[in-house]
Amino acid sequence: MDEGCGCGRVLCAGEVNGRVRREASVHRHKGGERKIPPEVMGVSWVIETERSQNSIEQLIESGGGTKIGLFVVDSSTYRPVDQLANNIGQLNVLHHSNFPESTFSLAVTATNDPKQPPPKSISDRGFDLILSKLSGALQMDSSGKFDASGTEYSFKDFRVRVGTVTQGGSVKGVVVEIEYTPTWVANQASMMLSEFINMFFPEQTASKPEIITKPTSDLYTALDTLNQYQQIFNRLRKKA
């Protein structure tokens, strides 16, 4: 149950229909009202798989999944110009079709200090225009652009997105995003997501995202999902 909420439910009725993805809504409970930011979503586990997109779609449909639309995730890498390489780091800029008004930014730093994680942010799409005016400091690496696109399914309390990843027109792999929608608290979704993975992707059980394994009741946001996509893109970049 969400901290500070006395309603007795993980997510109040009416808040699991997807509107929290695109506009702010209000969570009503005994203690009053709590504003839900537009980037709050269910909790997702994103995996890379060796299976084909078509075979996974057939598996989901045979299990009872209903096709509800398409989805797209893209990632572009911005690198500092040579003169500033020692002063600023690389920036990954991502978009997710479930959040058409938002831009997600994940900075890359030279250190791997867990006490000082790399900066990350959510902004409106106007940030893309600002980036275009910073070409004197950051330049987009066109060879580093990734796109994941495919089909979105509704599967009871889950949303499943199955897509093929391309880089520069070349197919690099297949990703699956499994979103458990009835909660936005990361560790509350751990058991349900694990059961889904065990049922459909048992070979992926060891790849559980760190945020889902934390004992604390961290609020899950779309940044956590986009971070998982970026980690997969980074691995695919190294593949021949």
C-alpha atoms as a PDB file:
ATOM      1  CA  MET A   1       0.000   0.000   0.000  1.00  0.00           C
ATOM      2  CA  ASP A   2       1.281   3.445  -0.864  1.00  0.00           C
ATOM      3  CA  GLU A   3       2.881   5.234   2.070  1.00  0.00           C
ATOM      4  CA  GLY A   4       0.586   7.739   3.724  1.00  0.00           C
ATOM      5  CA  CYS A   5      -2.526   6.281   2.124  1.00  0.00           C
ATOM      6  CA  GLY A   6      -5.366   4.858   4.179  1.00  0.00           C
ATOM      7  CA  CYS A   7      -7.606   3.750   1.371  1.00  0.00           C
ATOM      8  CA  GLY A   8      -6.609   0.105   1.835  1.00  0.00           C
ATOM      9  CA  ARG A   9      -5.799  -0.472  -1.837  1.00  0.00           C
ATOM     10  CA  VAL A  10      -2.557  -0.422  -3.738  1.00  0.00           C
ATOM     11  CA  LEU A  11      -4.140   1.850  -6.300  1.00  0.00           C
ATOM     12  CA  CYS A  12      -7.560   3.397  -6.011  1.00  0.00           C
ATOM     13  CA  ALA A  13     -10.209   2.435  -8.559  1.00  0.00           C
ATOM     14  CA  GLY A  14     -10.167   4.611 -11.627  1.00  0.00           C
ATOM     15  CA  GLU A  15      -6.396   5.196 -11.541  1.00  0.00           C
ATOM     16  CA  VAL A  16      -5.387   2.088 -13.478  1.00  0.00           C
ATOM     17  CA  ASN A  17      -6.911   3.115 -16.788  1.00  0.00           C
ATOM     18  CA  GLY A  18      -3.783   4.784 -18.110  1.00  0.00           C
ATOM     19  CA  ARG A  19      -4.622   8.423 -17.631  1.00  0.00           C
ATOM     20  CA  VAL A  20      -1.765   8.882 -15.161  1.00  0.00           C
ATOM     21  CA  ARG A  21       0.564   8.372 -18.113  1.00  0.00           C
ATOM     22  CA  ARG A  22      -0.420  11.555 -19.892  1.00  0.00           C
ATOM     23  CA  GLU A  23      -1.945  13.969 -17.426  1.00  0.00           C
ATOM     24  CA  ALA A  24      -1.743  14.649 -13.741  1.00  0.00           C
ATOM     25  CA  SER A  25      -4.489  13.066 -11.661  1.00  0.00           C
ATOM     26  CA  VAL A  26      -5.381  13.038  -7.984  1.00  0.00           C
ATOM     27  CA  HIS A  27      -5.122  10.068  -5.633  1.00  0.00           C
ATOM     28  CA  ARG A  28      -7.927  10.383  -3.060  1.00  0.00           C
ATOM     29  CA  HIS A  29      -7.592   8.663   0.274  1.00  0.00           C
ATOM     30  CA  LYS A  30      -8.578   9.150   3.897  1.00  0.00           C
ATOM     31  CA  GLY A  31      -5.755  11.561   4.557  1.00  0.00           C
ATOM     32  CA  GLY A  32      -6.744  13.885   1.742  1.00  0.00           C
ATOM     33  CA  GLU A  33      -5.564  14.200  -1.847  1.00  0.00           C
ATOM     34  CA  ARG A  34      -2.146  13.474  -3.275  1.00  0.00           C
ATOM     35  CA  LYS A  35      -1.148  14.799  -6.674  1.00  0.00           C
ATOM     36  CA  ILE A  36       0.176  12.151  -9.053  1.00  0.00           C
ATOM     37  CA  PRO A  37       2.747  13.573 -11.499  1.00  0.00           C
ATOM     38  CA  PRO A  38       2.151  12.853 -15.199  1.00  0.00           C
ATOM     39  CA  GLU A  39       5.282  10.718 -15.501  1.00  0.00           C
ATOM     40  CA  VAL A  40       4.075   8.207 -12.896  1.00  0.00           C
ATOM     41  CA  MET A  41       3.193   4.851 -14.368  1.00  0.00           C
ATOM     42  CA  GLY A  42       2.916   1.252 -13.307  1.00  0.00           C
ATOM     43  CA  VAL A  43       6.137  -0.608 -12.543  1.00  0.00           C
ATOM     44  CA  SER A  44       8.018  -2.073 -15.520  1.00  0.00           C
ATOM     45  CA  TRP A  45      10.625  -4.751 -16.131  1.00  0.00           C
ATOM     46  CA  VAL A  46      12.342  -4.382 -19.528  1.00  0.00           C
ATOM     47  CA  ILE A  47      14.212  -7.359 -20.978  1.00  0.00           C
ATOM     48  CA  GLU A  48      16.280  -8.150 -24.050  1.00  0.00           C
ATOM     49  CA  THR A  49      15.537 -11.508 -25.627  1.00  0.00           C
ATOM     50  CA  GLU A  50      16.943 -13.711 -28.375  1.00  0.00           C
ATOM     51  CA  ARG A  51      13.444 -14.691 -29.457  1.00  0.00           C
ATOM     52  CA  SER A  52      11.781 -13.100 -32.479  1.00  0.00           C
ATOM     53  CA  GLN A  53       9.150 -10.400 -32.068  1.00  0.00           C
ATOM     54  CA  ASN A  54       6.610 -12.520 -33.933  1.00  0.00           C
ATOM     55  CA  SER A  55       7.093 -15.561 -31.687  1.00  0.00           C
ATOM     56  CA  ILE A  56       6.650 -13.449 -28.541  1.00  0.00           C
ATOM     57  CA  GLU A  57       3.513 -11.804 -29.907  1.00  0.00           C
ATOM     58  CA  GLN A  58       2.047 -15.223 -30.653  1.00  0.00           C
ATOM     59  CA  LEU A  59       2.926 -16.344 -27.120  1.00  0.00           C
ATOM     60  CA  ILE A  60       1.234 -13.326 -25.521  1.00  0.00           C
ATOM     61  CA  GLU A  61      -1.856 -13.637 -27.703  1.00  0.00           C
ATOM     62  CA  SER A  62      -2.186 -17.365 -27.027  1.00  0.00           C
ATOM     63  CA  GLY A  63      -1.989 -16.595 -23.298  1.00  0.00           C
ATOM     64  CA  GLY A  64      -4.905 -14.166 -23.499  1.00  0.00           C
ATOM     65  CA  GLY A  65      -3.233 -10.862 -24.336  1.00  0.00           C
ATOM     66  CA  THR A  66      -5.211  -8.335 -26.392  1.00  0.00           C
ATOM     67  CA  LYS A  67      -3.483  -6.091 -28.901  1.00  0.00           C
ATOM     68  CA  ILE A  68      -4.265  -2.448 -28.051  1.00  0.00           C
ATOM     69  CA  GLY A  69      -1.859  -0.455 -30.202  1.00  0.00           C
ATOM     70  CA  LEU A  70       1.716   0.329 -31.098  1.00  0.00           C
ATOM     71  CA  PHE A  71       4.592   1.817 -29.136  1.00  0.00           C
ATOM     72  CA  VAL A  72       7.924   3.486 -29.913  1.00  0.00           C
ATOM     73  CA  VAL A  73      10.967   4.246 -27.766  1.00  0.00           C
ATOM     74  CA  ASP A  74      13.950   6.145 -29.171  1.00  0.00           C
ATOM     75  CA  SER A  75      17.330   7.106 -27.770  1.00  0.00           C
ATOM     76  CA  SER A  76      19.837   9.617 -29.123  1.00  0.00           C
ATOM     77  CA  THR A  77      23.344  10.147 -27.781  1.00  0.00           C
ATOM     78  CA  TYR A  78      24.869  13.621 -27.478  1.00  0.00           C
ATOM     79  CA  ARG A  79      28.624  13.843 -27.027  1.00  0.00           C
ATOM     80  CA  PRO A  80      30.662  16.887 -25.970  1.00  0.00           C
ATOM     81  CA  VAL A  81      32.841  18.564 -28.558  1.00  0.00           C
ATOM     82  CA  ASP A  82      36.563  17.838 -28.203  1.00  0.00           C
ATOM     83  CA  GLN A  83      37.309  21.149 -26.502  1.00  0.00           C
ATOM     84  CA  LEU A  84      34.833  20.372 -23.695  1.00  0.00           C
ATOM     85  CA  ALA A  85      35.341  16.613 -23.366  1.00  0.00           C
ATOM     86  CA  ASN A  86      37.057  17.038 -19.995  1.00  0.00           C
ATOM     87  CA  ASN A  87      34.355  19.341 -18.627  1.00  0.00           C
ATOM     88  CA  ILE A  88      31.025  17.795 -19.567  1.00  0.00           C
ATOM     89  CA  GLY A  89      29.882  14.246 -20.155  1.00  0.00           C
ATOM     90  CA  GLN A  90      27.762  12.328 -22.611  1.00  0.00           C
ATOM     91  CA  LEU A  91      23.979  12.771 -22.558  1.00  0.00           C
ATOM     92  CA  ASN A  92      21.392  10.199 -23.634  1.00  0.00           C
ATOM     93  CA  VAL A  93      18.024  11.668 -24.627  1.00  0.00           C
ATOM     94  CA  LEU A  94      15.023   9.341 -24.861  1.00  0.00           C
ATOM     95  CA  HIS A  95      11.327   9.422 -25.727  1.00  0.00           C
ATOM     96  CA  HIS A  96       8.510   6.945 -25.056  1.00  0.00           C
ATOM     97  CA  SER A  97       5.254   7.020 -27.010  1.00  0.00           C
ATOM     98  CA  ASN A  98       3.256   6.582 -23.800  1.00  0.00           C
ATOM     99  CA  PHE A  99       4.595   9.988 -22.738  1.00  0.00           C
ATOM    100  CA  PRO A 100       4.341  12.080 -25.916  1.00  0.00           C
ATOM    101  CA  GLU A 101       4.887  15.392 -24.124  1.00  0.00           C
ATOM    102  CA  SER A 102       8.048  14.379 -22.275  1.00  0.00           C
ATOM    103  CA  THR A 103      11.778  14.113 -22.931  1.00  0.00           C
ATOM    104  CA  PHE A 104      13.912  11.916 -20.670  1.00  0.00           C
ATOM    105  CA  SER A 105      17.592  12.730 -20.140  1.00  0.00           C
ATOM    106  CA  LEU A 106      20.212  10.401 -18.673  1.00  0.00           C
ATOM    107  CA  ALA A 107      23.682  11.827 -18.159  1.00  0.00           C
ATOM    108  CA  VAL A 108      26.802   9.674 -18.269  1.00  0.00           C
ATOM    109  CA  THR A 109      29.611  10.359 -15.814  1.00  0.00           C
ATOM    110  CA  ALA A 110      33.100   8.942 -15.553  1.00  0.00           C
ATOM    111  CA  THR A 111      32.615   7.705 -11.988  1.00  0.00           C
ATOM    112  CA  ASN A 112      30.492   4.766 -10.859  1.00  0.00           C
ATOM    113  CA  ASP A 113      29.989   5.968  -7.309  1.00  0.00           C
ATOM    114  CA  PRO A 114      26.594   4.608  -6.110  1.00  0.00           C
ATOM    115  CA  LYS A 115      26.412   7.505  -3.652  1.00  0.00           C
ATOM    116  CA  GLN A 116      26.543   9.956  -6.547  1.00  0.00           C
ATOM    117  CA  PRO A 117      24.439   8.483  -9.377  1.00  0.00           C
ATOM    118  CA  PRO A 118      24.524  10.249 -12.755  1.00  0.00           C
ATOM    119  CA  PRO A 119      22.020  13.109 -13.148  1.00  0.00           C
ATOM    120  CA  LYS A 120      18.718  12.321 -14.847  1.00  0.00           C
ATOM    121  CA  SER A 121      15.685  14.434 -15.594  1.00  0.00           C
ATOM    122  CA  ILE A 122      12.241  14.662 -17.166  1.00  0.00           C
ATOM    123  CA  SER A 123      11.338  17.743 -19.170  1.00  0.00           C
ATOM    124  CA  ASP A 124       8.818  18.743 -21.786  1.00  0.00           C
ATOM    125  CA  ARG A 125       9.562  18.220 -25.474  1.00  0.00           C
ATOM    126  CA  GLY A 126      10.783  21.780 -25.757  1.00  0.00           C
ATOM    127  CA  PHE A 127      14.073  20.506 -24.346  1.00  0.00           C
ATOM    128  CA  ASP A 128      14.804  18.962 -27.753  1.00  0.00           C
ATOM    129  CA  LEU A 129      14.757  22.444 -29.293  1.00  0.00           C
ATOM    130  CA  ILE A 130      17.148  23.702 -26.635  1.00  0.00           C
ATOM    131  CA  LEU A 131      19.563  20.863 -27.436  1.00  0.00           C
ATOM    132  CA  SER A 132      19.613  21.869 -31.079  1.00  0.00           C
ATOM    133  CA  LYS A 133      20.910  25.283 -30.011  1.00  0.00           C
ATOM    134  CA  LEU A 134      23.758  23.781 -27.994  1.00  0.00           C
ATOM    135  CA  SER A 135      25.629  22.302 -30.935  1.00  0.00           C
ATOM    136  CA  GLY A 136      28.690  24.282 -29.926  1.00  0.00           C
ATOM    137  CA  ALA A 137      28.963  22.101 -26.813  1.00  0.00           C
ATOM    138  CA  LEU A 138      27.009  18.900 -27.474  1.00  0.00           C
ATOM    139  CA  GLN A 139      26.663  17.181 -30.838  1.00  0.00           C
ATOM    140  CA  MET A 140      24.336  14.302 -31.621  1.00  0.00           C
ATOM    141  CA  ASP A 141      26.036  11.052 -32.536  1.00  0.00           C
ATOM    142  CA  SER A 142      23.793   9.898 -35.379  1.00  0.00           C
ATOM    143  CA  SER A 143      25.385   6.440 -35.359  1.00  0.00           C
ATOM    144  CA  GLY A 144      24.320   6.013 -31.740  1.00  0.00           C
ATOM    145  CA  LYS A 145      20.574   6.473 -32.286  1.00  0.00           C
ATOM    146  CA  PHE A 146      18.385   3.534 -31.284  1.00  0.00           C
ATOM    147  CA  ASP A 147      14.724   2.894 -31.991  1.00  0.00           C
ATOM    148  CA  ALA A 148      12.505   0.226 -30.463  1.00  0.00           C
ATOM    149  CA  SER A 149       9.072  -0.160 -32.025  1.00  0.00           C
ATOM    150  CA  GLY A 150       6.381  -2.777 -31.944  1.00  0.00           C
ATOM    151  CA  THR A 151       3.055  -3.839 -30.456  1.00  0.00           C
ATOM    152  CA  GLU A 152       1.430  -3.113 -27.109  1.00  0.00           C
ATOM    153  CA  TYR A 153      -0.832  -5.661 -25.408  1.00  0.00           C
ATOM    154  CA  SER A 154      -3.251  -5.576 -22.505  1.00  0.00           C
ATOM    155  CA  PHE A 155      -2.954  -8.691 -20.334  1.00  0.00           C
ATOM    156  CA  LYS A 156      -5.192  -8.412 -17.260  1.00  0.00           C
ATOM    157  CA  ASP A 157      -3.258  -6.166 -14.838  1.00  0.00           C
ATOM    158  CA  PHE A 158      -0.289  -5.953 -17.213  1.00  0.00           C
ATOM    159  CA  ARG A 159       0.698  -4.005 -20.294  1.00  0.00           C
ATOM    160  CA  VAL A 160       3.203  -5.837 -22.484  1.00  0.00           C
ATOM    161  CA  ARG A 161       5.185  -4.041 -25.192  1.00  0.00           C
ATOM    162  CA  VAL A 162       7.119  -6.157 -27.681  1.00  0.00           C
ATOM    163  CA  GLY A 163       9.434  -4.409 -30.118  1.00  0.00           C
ATOM    164  CA  THR A 164      12.380  -4.780 -32.458  1.00  0.00           C
ATOM    165  CA  VAL A 165      15.424  -2.609 -31.783  1.00  0.00           C
ATOM    166  CA  THR A 166      17.232  -0.972 -34.685  1.00  0.00           C
ATOM    167  CA  GLN A 167      20.368   1.136 -34.891  1.00  0.00           C
ATOM    168  CA  GLY A 168      20.983   3.016 -38.086  1.00  0.00           C
ATOM    169  CA  GLY A 169      18.557   0.761 -39.928  1.00  0.00           C
ATOM    170  CA  SER A 170      20.201  -2.448 -38.717  1.00  0.00           C
ATOM    171  CA  VAL A 171      18.258  -4.841 -36.487  1.00  0.00           C
ATOM    172  CA  LYS A 172      20.037  -5.252 -33.154  1.00  0.00           C
ATOM    173  CA  GLY A 173      17.603  -7.309 -31.095  1.00  0.00           C
ATOM    174  CA  VAL A 174      14.177  -7.599 -29.488  1.00  0.00           C
ATOM    175  CA  VAL A 175      12.983  -5.981 -26.252  1.00  0.00           C
ATOM    176  CA  VAL A 176       9.937  -6.677 -24.101  1.00  0.00           C
ATOM    177  CA  GLU A 177       8.565  -4.252 -21.529  1.00  0.00           C
ATOM    178  CA  ILE A 178       6.257  -5.794 -18.926  1.00  0.00           C
ATOM    179  CA  GLU A 179       4.364  -3.174 -16.928  1.00  0.00           C
ATOM    180  CA  TYR A 180       2.336  -4.061 -13.843  1.00  0.00           C
ATOM    181  CA  THR A 181      -0.266  -1.298 -13.705  1.00  0.00           C
ATOM    182  CA  PRO A 182      -2.053  -1.470 -10.306  1.00  0.00           C
ATOM    183  CA  THR A 183       0.789   0.155  -8.329  1.00  0.00           C
ATOM    184  CA  TRP A 184       3.443   2.815  -8.767  1.00  0.00           C
ATOM    185  CA  VAL A 185       5.498   1.652  -5.755  1.00  0.00           C
ATOM    186  CA  ALA A 186       8.411  -0.391  -7.092  1.00  0.00           C
ATOM    187  CA  ASN A 187       8.767  -3.167  -4.516  1.00  0.00           C
ATOM    188  CA  GLN A 188       5.009  -3.827  -4.421  1.00  0.00           C
ATOM    189  CA  ALA A 189       5.180  -5.045  -8.021  1.00  0.00           C
ATOM    190  CA  SER A 190       8.172  -7.352  -7.546  1.00  0.00           C
ATOM    191  CA  MET A 191       6.260 -10.581  -6.903  1.00  0.00           C
ATOM    192  CA  MET A 192       3.712 -10.113  -9.700  1.00  0.00           C
ATOM    193  CA  LEU A 193       6.363  -9.165 -12.249  1.00  0.00           C
ATOM    194  CA  SER A 194       8.484 -12.147 -11.216  1.00  0.00           C
ATOM    195  CA  GLU A 195       5.520 -14.498 -11.689  1.00  0.00           C
ATOM    196  CA  PHE A 196       4.890 -13.085 -15.165  1.00  0.00           C
ATOM    197  CA  ILE A 197       8.566 -13.438 -16.121  1.00  0.00           C
ATOM    198  CA  ASN A 198       8.683 -16.990 -14.773  1.00  0.00           C
ATOM    199  CA  MET A 199       5.644 -17.894 -16.843  1.00  0.00           C
ATOM    200  CA  PHE A 200       6.684 -16.403 -20.187  1.00  0.00           C
ATOM    201  CA  PHE A 201      10.430 -15.674 -19.956  1.00  0.00           C
ATOM    202  CA  PRO A 202      11.936 -18.050 -17.358  1.00  0.00           C
ATOM    203  CA  GLU A 203      15.415 -17.499 -18.772  1.00  0.00           C
ATOM    204  CA  GLN A 204      15.206 -13.836 -17.684  1.00  0.00           C
ATOM    205  CA  THR A 205      14.509 -14.319 -13.974  1.00  0.00           C
ATOM    206  CA  ALA A 206      18.020 -13.190 -12.987  1.00  0.00           C
ATOM    207  CA  SER A 207      17.721  -9.856 -14.815  1.00  0.00           C
ATOM    208  CA  LYS A 208      15.354  -8.181 -12.331  1.00  0.00           C
ATOM    209  CA  PRO A 209      15.885  -4.381 -12.281  1.00  0.00           C
ATOM    210  CA  GLU A 210      17.616  -3.059  -9.179  1.00  0.00           C
ATOM    211  CA  ILE A 211      14.810  -0.647  -8.274  1.00  0.00           C
ATOM    212  CA  ILE A 212      12.337  -3.536  -7.966  1.00  0.00           C
ATOM    213  CA  THR A 213      14.604  -5.411  -5.576  1.00  0.00           C
ATOM    214  CA  LYS A 214      15.008  -2.534  -3.111  1.00  0.00           C
ATOM    215  CA  PRO A 215      13.276  -3.054   0.263  1.00  0.00           C
ATOM    216  CA  THR A 216      12.217   0.598   0.416  1.00  0.00           C
ATOM    217  CA  SER A 217       8.909   1.783  -1.038  1.00  0.00           C
ATOM    218  CA  ASP A 218      10.397   3.912  -3.805  1.00  0.00           C
ATOM    219  CA  LEU A 219       7.998   5.700  -6.127  1.00  0.00           C
ATOM    220  CA  TYR A 220       8.480   4.325  -9.634  1.00  0.00           C
ATOM    221  CA  THR A 221       8.515   6.767 -12.554  1.00  0.00           C
ATOM    222  CA  ALA A 222       8.955   6.570 -16.296  1.00  0.00           C
ATOM    223  CA  LEU A 223      12.621   7.514 -15.859  1.00  0.00           C
ATOM    224  CA  ASP A 224      13.177   4.106 -14.296  1.00  0.00           C
ATOM    225  CA  THR A 225      11.735   2.446 -17.392  1.00  0.00           C
ATOM    226  CA  LEU A 226      13.739   4.564 -19.817  1.00  0.00           C
ATOM    227  CA  ASN A 227      16.882   3.844 -17.822  1.00  0.00           C
ATOM    228  CA  GLN A 228      16.288   0.103 -18.359  1.00  0.00           C
ATOM    229  CA  TYR A 229      15.882   0.684 -22.107  1.00  0.00           C
ATOM    230  CA  GLN A 230      19.117   2.676 -22.205  1.00  0.00           C
ATOM    231  CA  GLN A 231      21.037  -0.060 -20.418  1.00  0.00           C
ATOM    232  CA  ILE A 232      19.839  -2.530 -23.060  1.00  0.00           C
ATOM    233  CA  PHE A 233      20.767  -0.130 -25.884  1.00  0.00           C
ATOM    234  CA  ASN A 234      24.249   0.215 -24.368  1.00  0.00           C
ATOM    235  CA  ARG A 235      24.699  -3.560 -24.440  1.00  0.00           C
ATOM    236  CA  LEU A 236      23.366  -3.843 -27.985  1.00  0.00           C
ATOM    237  CA  ARG A 237      25.751  -1.120 -29.120  1.00  0.00           C
ATOM    238  CA  LYS A 238      28.646  -3.443 -28.290  1.00  0.00           C
ATOM    239  CA  LYS A 239      27.239  -6.288 -30.384  1.00  0.00           C
ATOM    240  CA  ALA A 240      28.597  -6.794 -33.875  1.00  0.00           C
END
